[in-house]
C-alpha atoms as a PDB file:
ATOM      1  CA  GLN A   1       0.068   0.025   0.009  1.00  0.00           C
ATOM      2  CA  VAL A   2       1.449   3.355  -1.033  1.00  0.00           C
ATOM      3  CA  GLN A   3       1.840   5.712   2.022  1.00  0.00           C
ATOM      4  CA  LEU A   4       2.924   9.340   2.295  1.00  0.00           C
ATOM      5  CA  VAL A   5       3.528  10.551   5.630  1.00  0.00           C
ATOM      6  CA  GLU A   6       4.384  14.216   6.260  1.00  0.00           C
ATOM      7  CA  SER A   7       5.845  15.600   9.485  1.00  0.00           C
ATOM      8  CA  GLY A   8       7.377  18.649  10.711  1.00  0.00           C
ATOM      9  CA  GLY A   9       4.404  20.940  11.303  1.00  0.00           C
ATOM     10  CA  GLY A  10       3.774  23.099  14.333  1.00  0.00           C
ATOM     11  CA  LEU A  11       3.318  26.439  15.701  1.00  0.00           C
ATOM     12  CA  VAL A  12       5.848  29.058  14.979  1.00  0.00           C
ATOM     13  CA  GLN A  13       6.076  32.953  15.144  1.00  0.00           C
ATOM     14  CA  ALA A  14       6.016  35.249  12.281  1.00  0.00           C
ATOM     15  CA  GLY A  15       9.278  35.445  10.535  1.00  0.00           C
ATOM     16  CA  GLY A  16      10.200  31.973  11.808  1.00  0.00           C
ATOM     17  CA  SER A  17      11.160  28.757   9.975  1.00  0.00           C
ATOM     18  CA  LEU A  18      10.062  25.158   9.553  1.00  0.00           C
ATOM     19  CA  ARG A  19      10.956  22.180   7.537  1.00  0.00           C
ATOM     20  CA  LEU A  20       8.358  19.756   6.417  1.00  0.00           C
ATOM     21  CA  SER A  21       9.291  16.247   5.683  1.00  0.00           C
ATOM     22  CA  CYS A  22       7.423  13.670   3.480  1.00  0.00           C
ATOM     23  CA  VAL A  23       8.497   9.983   3.686  1.00  0.00           C
ATOM     24  CA  ALA A  24       7.284   7.648   0.966  1.00  0.00           C
ATOM     25  CA  SER A  25       6.666   3.850   1.185  1.00  0.00           C
ATOM     26  CA  GLY A  26       5.052   1.199  -0.554  1.00  0.00           C
ATOM     27  CA  ARG A  27       6.766   1.886  -3.864  1.00  0.00           C
ATOM     28  CA  THR A  28       9.883   3.564  -5.068  1.00  0.00           C
ATOM     29  CA  PHE A  29       9.342   7.413  -5.553  1.00  0.00           C
ATOM     30  CA  SER A  30      12.818   8.094  -6.899  1.00  0.00           C
ATOM     31  CA  SER A  31      11.295   8.487 -10.424  1.00  0.00           C
ATOM     32  CA  ASP A  32       8.195  10.363  -9.238  1.00  0.00           C
ATOM     33  CA  ALA A  33       7.457  14.011  -9.540  1.00  0.00           C
ATOM     34  CA  MET A  34       6.333  15.246  -6.103  1.00  0.00           C
ATOM     35  CA  GLY A  35       4.479  18.421  -4.878  1.00  0.00           C
ATOM     36  CA  TRP A  36       3.430  20.140  -2.001  1.00  0.00           C
ATOM     37  CA  PHE A  37      -0.283  21.766  -1.307  1.00  0.00           C
ATOM     38  CA  ARG A  38      -1.800  23.342   1.443  1.00  0.00           C
ATOM     39  CA  GLN A  39      -5.263  24.197   2.644  1.00  0.00           C
ATOM     40  CA  ALA A  40      -6.405  26.926   5.055  1.00  0.00           C
ATOM     41  CA  PRO A  41      -9.601  26.560   6.940  1.00  0.00           C
ATOM     42  CA  GLY A  42     -12.699  27.401   4.579  1.00  0.00           C
ATOM     43  CA  LYS A  43     -10.457  27.736   1.343  1.00  0.00           C
ATOM     44  CA  GLU A  44      -9.598  25.348  -1.538  1.00  0.00           C
ATOM     45  CA  HIS A  45      -6.326  23.430  -1.789  1.00  0.00           C
ATOM     46  CA  GLU A  46      -3.523  25.804  -2.956  1.00  0.00           C
ATOM     47  CA  PHE A  47      -0.372  24.615  -4.705  1.00  0.00           C
ATOM     48  CA  VAL A  48       2.711  25.356  -3.111  1.00  0.00           C
ATOM     49  CA  ALA A  49       5.619  23.823  -4.827  1.00  0.00           C
ATOM     50  CA  ALA A  50       6.708  20.932  -7.123  1.00  0.00           C
ATOM     51  CA  ILE A  51       9.817  19.035  -8.151  1.00  0.00           C
ATOM     52  CA  ASN A  52      10.829  16.773 -10.673  1.00  0.00           C
ATOM     53  CA  TRP A  53      12.368  13.150 -10.049  1.00  0.00           C
ATOM     54  CA  SER A  54      15.974  14.269 -10.157  1.00  0.00           C
ATOM     55  CA  GLY A  55      15.385  17.413  -8.039  1.00  0.00           C
ATOM     56  CA  ARG A  56      16.826  19.597 -10.746  1.00  0.00           C
ATOM     57  CA  ARG A  57      13.587  21.094 -11.484  1.00  0.00           C
ATOM     58  CA  THR A  58      11.223  22.976  -9.153  1.00  0.00           C
ATOM     59  CA  ALA A  59       8.354  25.170  -9.387  1.00  0.00           C
ATOM     60  CA  TYR A  60       6.766  27.511  -6.819  1.00  0.00           C
ATOM     61  CA  ALA A  61       3.354  29.338  -6.101  1.00  0.00           C
ATOM     62  CA  ASP A  62       4.086  33.305  -6.325  1.00  0.00           C
ATOM     63  CA  SER A  63       2.900  33.610  -2.760  1.00  0.00           C
ATOM     64  CA  VAL A  64       5.910  31.379  -1.493  1.00  0.00           C
ATOM     65  CA  LYS A  65       8.615  32.155  -4.118  1.00  0.00           C
ATOM     66  CA  GLY A  66      11.910  33.233  -2.540  1.00  0.00           C
ATOM     67  CA  ARG A  67      10.675  32.012   0.951  1.00  0.00           C
ATOM     68  CA  PHE A  68       9.985  28.365   0.471  1.00  0.00           C
ATOM     69  CA  THR A  69      12.357  25.699  -0.974  1.00  0.00           C
ATOM     70  CA  ILE A  70      11.385  22.001  -2.224  1.00  0.00           C
ATOM     71  CA  SER A  71      13.993  19.602  -2.236  1.00  0.00           C
ATOM     72  CA  ARG A  72      14.279  15.594  -2.201  1.00  0.00           C
ATOM     73  CA  ASP A  73      16.600  12.967  -1.170  1.00  0.00           C
ATOM     74  CA  ASN A  74      15.729   9.860  -3.437  1.00  0.00           C
ATOM     75  CA  ALA A  75      17.836   7.683  -1.300  1.00  0.00           C
ATOM     76  CA  LYS A  76      15.579   8.272   1.702  1.00  0.00           C
ATOM     77  CA  ASN A  77      12.385   8.357  -0.408  1.00  0.00           C
ATOM     78  CA  THR A  78      11.791  11.854   1.207  1.00  0.00           C
ATOM     79  CA  VAL A  79      10.737  15.227   0.019  1.00  0.00           C
ATOM     80  CA  TYR A  80      11.305  18.513   1.842  1.00  0.00           C
ATOM     81  CA  LEU A  81       9.677  21.921   2.207  1.00  0.00           C
ATOM     82  CA  GLN A  82      11.991  24.326   3.909  1.00  0.00           C
ATOM     83  CA  MET A  83       9.850  27.300   4.917  1.00  0.00           C
ATOM     84  CA  ASN A  84      11.487  30.655   5.779  1.00  0.00           C
ATOM     85  CA  SER A  85      10.037  33.924   6.641  1.00  0.00           C
ATOM     86  CA  LEU A  86       6.720  32.548   7.610  1.00  0.00           C
ATOM     87  CA  ALA A  87       3.649  34.706   7.910  1.00  0.00           C
ATOM     88  CA  PRO A  88       0.219  34.325   9.517  1.00  0.00           C
ATOM     89  CA  GLU A  89      -1.271  33.736   5.898  1.00  0.00           C
ATOM     90  CA  ASP A  90       0.954  30.590   5.681  1.00  0.00           C
ATOM     91  CA  THR A  91      -1.151  29.022   8.227  1.00  0.00           C
ATOM     92  CA  ALA A  92      -2.759  25.978   6.755  1.00  0.00           C
ATOM     93  CA  ALA A  93      -2.706  22.051   6.651  1.00  0.00           C
ATOM     94  CA  TYR A  94       0.228  21.030   4.322  1.00  0.00           C
ATOM     95  CA  TYR A  95       0.008  18.047   2.059  1.00  0.00           C
ATOM     96  CA  CYS A  96       2.459  16.037   0.328  1.00  0.00           C
ATOM     97  CA  ALA A  97       1.586  14.638  -3.032  1.00  0.00           C
ATOM     98  CA  ALA A  98       3.124  12.096  -5.809  1.00  0.00           C
ATOM     99  CA  ARG A  99       2.227  12.231  -9.381  1.00  0.00           C
ATOM    100  CA  GLY A 100       2.760   8.462  -9.821  1.00  0.00           C
ATOM    101  CA  GLY A 101       5.095   8.787 -12.628  1.00  0.00           C
ATOM    102  CA  SER A 102       8.246  10.441 -13.877  1.00  0.00           C
ATOM    103  CA  TYR A 103       6.700  13.304 -15.673  1.00  0.00           C
ATOM    104  CA  SER A 104       8.961  15.779 -17.379  1.00  0.00           C
ATOM    105  CA  ASP A 105       6.751  18.700 -16.616  1.00  0.00           C
ATOM    106  CA  LEU A 106       5.851  20.314 -13.317  1.00  0.00           C
ATOM    107  CA  THR A 107       2.126  21.003 -12.639  1.00  0.00           C
ATOM    108  CA  SER A 108       0.259  22.813  -9.971  1.00  0.00           C
ATOM    109  CA  GLN A 109      -2.992  21.031 -10.888  1.00  0.00           C
ATOM    110  CA  ARG A 110      -4.317  18.930  -7.839  1.00  0.00           C
ATOM    111  CA  TYR A 111      -5.931  16.427 -10.149  1.00  0.00           C
ATOM    112  CA  GLU A 112      -2.591  15.467 -11.609  1.00  0.00           C
ATOM    113  CA  TYR A 113      -1.343  14.097  -8.331  1.00  0.00           C
ATOM    114  CA  ARG A 114      -2.385  10.316  -7.743  1.00  0.00           C
ATOM    115  CA  TYR A 115      -1.164   9.749  -4.070  1.00  0.00           C
ATOM    116  CA  TRP A 116      -1.582  12.056  -1.015  1.00  0.00           C
ATOM    117  CA  GLY A 117      -0.572  12.127   2.479  1.00  0.00           C
ATOM    118  CA  GLN A 118      -2.810  13.013   5.490  1.00  0.00           C
ATOM    119  CA  GLY A 119      -1.177  16.569   6.214  1.00  0.00           C
ATOM    120  CA  THR A 120       0.560  18.055   8.768  1.00  0.00           C
ATOM    121  CA  GLN A 121      -0.553  21.342  10.379  1.00  0.00           C
ATOM    122  CA  VAL A 122       1.418  24.534  10.373  1.00  0.00           C
ATOM    123  CA  THR A 123       0.272  27.526  12.522  1.00  0.00           C
ATOM    124  CA  VAL A 124       2.122  30.961  12.260  1.00  0.00           C
ATOM    125  CA  SER A 125       1.368  33.471  15.056  1.00  0.00           C
ATOM    126  CA  SER A 126       1.724  36.998  14.581  1.00  0.00           C
END
């Protein structure tokens, strides 16, 4: 059974940093394109960042560009999201997702991702 397990969320003050991790099991994700999404209360899922299978290509939402960094360690089947300069509007549940294939394009479309984690909560206080 495919599993994506996120960790690293928590409560942080505005301006602080957190690093989220997503560990994949049940299949080898080293050839998988991966992404992070977030959902704030009462809002739709929002694309945050994506990374291709090798880690050489990345894409970000404008709202996080320059503050967040997505990376991966294929030997550990893990994808990371380093979040710096956090602001209250970054408060949300953050979800890791896998596309289920080594796609060459990077996409922000939620329906393009086949596997999803349960999410980890990030709360930024002002």
